[in-house]
């Protein structure tokens, strides 16, 4: 993850504050709503990390094939990642 967890919480707090000020959201438990917003934001931020981990596992499984083809690890990483992102319709 590229952002510290505290910064994600700060961003969530600002989103909640602005939504409340614009009267776009009503809530009775601000701490709970803040926690939910922060978790959703954190999950979205971690999508790329999870995809990168999956690409590494795939490339490890097919390491011998990659070597025999003479393909570079970096190029294969980019291709596999691009394919996974396209299949999942993820936005990075």
Protein backbone atom coordinates (compact mmCIF):
# COMPACT_ATOMS: atom_id res chain seq x y z
CA UNK A 1 0.00 0.00 0.00
CA UNK A 2 1.29 3.41 -0.92
CA UNK A 3 -0.60 5.38 1.73
CA UNK A 4 -0.29 5.05 5.49
CA UNK A 5 -3.41 3.74 7.22
CA UNK A 6 -3.66 6.96 9.25
CA UNK A 7 -3.89 8.98 6.04
CA UNK A 8 -6.70 6.74 4.78
CA UNK A 9 -8.58 7.38 8.04
CA UNK A 10 -7.97 11.12 7.63
CA UNK A 11 -9.33 11.01 4.06
CA UNK A 12 -12.38 9.06 5.23
CA UNK A 13 -12.98 11.64 7.96
CA UNK A 14 -12.84 14.43 5.36
CA UNK A 15 -15.23 12.59 3.02
CA UNK A 16 -17.69 12.06 5.85
CA UNK A 17 -17.40 15.69 6.94
CA UNK A 18 -18.03 17.00 3.42
CA UNK A 19 -20.95 14.66 2.81
CA UNK A 20 -22.54 15.72 6.10
CA UNK A 21 -21.95 19.43 5.44
CA UNK A 22 -23.57 19.10 2.00
CA UNK A 23 -26.45 17.24 3.65
CA UNK A 24 -25.91 14.30 1.30
CA UNK A 25 -25.79 11.79 4.14
CA UNK A 26 -27.50 11.42 7.50
CA UNK A 27 -26.25 9.16 10.25
CA UNK A 28 -26.65 8.51 13.93
CA UNK A 29 -23.34 6.75 14.60
CA UNK A 30 -20.52 8.84 13.11
CA UNK A 31 -17.77 6.55 14.45
CA UNK A 32 -19.30 3.51 12.76
CA UNK A 33 -19.86 5.35 9.46
CA UNK A 34 -16.28 6.61 9.56
CA UNK A 35 -15.02 3.07 10.14
CA UNK A 36 -17.02 1.73 7.19
CA UNK A 37 -15.86 4.49 4.84
CA UNK A 38 -12.23 4.00 5.89
CA UNK A 39 -12.47 0.22 5.35
CA UNK A 40 -13.99 0.63 1.89
CA UNK A 41 -11.27 3.10 0.93
CA UNK A 42 -8.57 0.80 2.28
CA UNK A 43 -9.99 -2.16 0.37
CA UNK A 44 -9.92 -0.16 -2.86
CA UNK A 45 -6.36 0.99 -2.27
CA UNK A 46 -5.21 -2.57 -1.60
CA UNK A 47 -6.63 -3.96 -4.85
CA UNK A 48 -3.39 -3.33 -6.72
CA UNK A 49 -1.33 -4.97 -3.96
CA UNK A 50 -3.50 -8.08 -4.10
CA UNK A 51 -3.26 -8.22 -7.89
CA UNK A 52 0.54 -7.86 -7.71
CA UNK A 53 0.70 -10.74 -5.22
CA UNK A 54 -1.41 -12.91 -7.49
CA UNK A 55 0.79 -12.11 -10.50
CA UNK A 56 3.89 -13.08 -8.52
CA UNK A 57 2.30 -16.42 -7.57
CA UNK A 58 1.34 -17.11 -11.17
CA UNK A 59 4.82 -16.30 -12.42
CA UNK A 60 6.39 -18.48 -9.73
CA UNK A 61 4.22 -21.40 -10.84
CA UNK A 62 5.28 -20.92 -14.44
CA UNK A 63 8.90 -19.94 -13.78
CA UNK A 64 10.42 -22.76 -15.79
CA UNK A 65 8.24 -22.02 -18.81
CA UNK A 66 9.17 -18.35 -18.68
CA UNK A 67 12.88 -19.21 -18.54
CA UNK A 68 12.61 -21.69 -21.41
CA UNK A 69 10.88 -19.08 -23.57
CA UNK A 70 13.52 -16.50 -22.71
CA UNK A 71 10.93 -13.95 -21.65
CA UNK A 72 11.85 -11.29 -19.13
CA UNK A 73 10.20 -11.43 -15.72
CA UNK A 74 9.32 -7.73 -15.88
CA UNK A 75 7.61 -8.05 -19.26
CA UNK A 76 5.66 -11.11 -18.19
CA UNK A 77 4.67 -9.37 -14.94
CA UNK A 78 3.25 -6.43 -16.91
CA UNK A 79 1.36 -8.71 -19.32
CA UNK A 80 -0.15 -10.94 -16.65
CA UNK A 81 -1.10 -7.94 -14.50
CA UNK A 82 -2.72 -6.21 -17.45
CA UNK A 83 -4.70 -9.36 -18.23
CA UNK A 84 -5.92 -9.75 -14.63
CA UNK A 85 -6.89 -6.08 -14.42
CA UNK A 86 -8.83 -6.37 -17.69
CA UNK A 87 -10.58 -9.59 -16.60
CA UNK A 88 -11.64 -8.11 -13.27
CA UNK A 89 -12.43 -4.72 -14.74
CA UNK A 90 -10.36 -3.17 -11.97
CA UNK A 91 -9.36 0.46 -11.99
CA UNK A 92 -5.84 1.08 -10.76
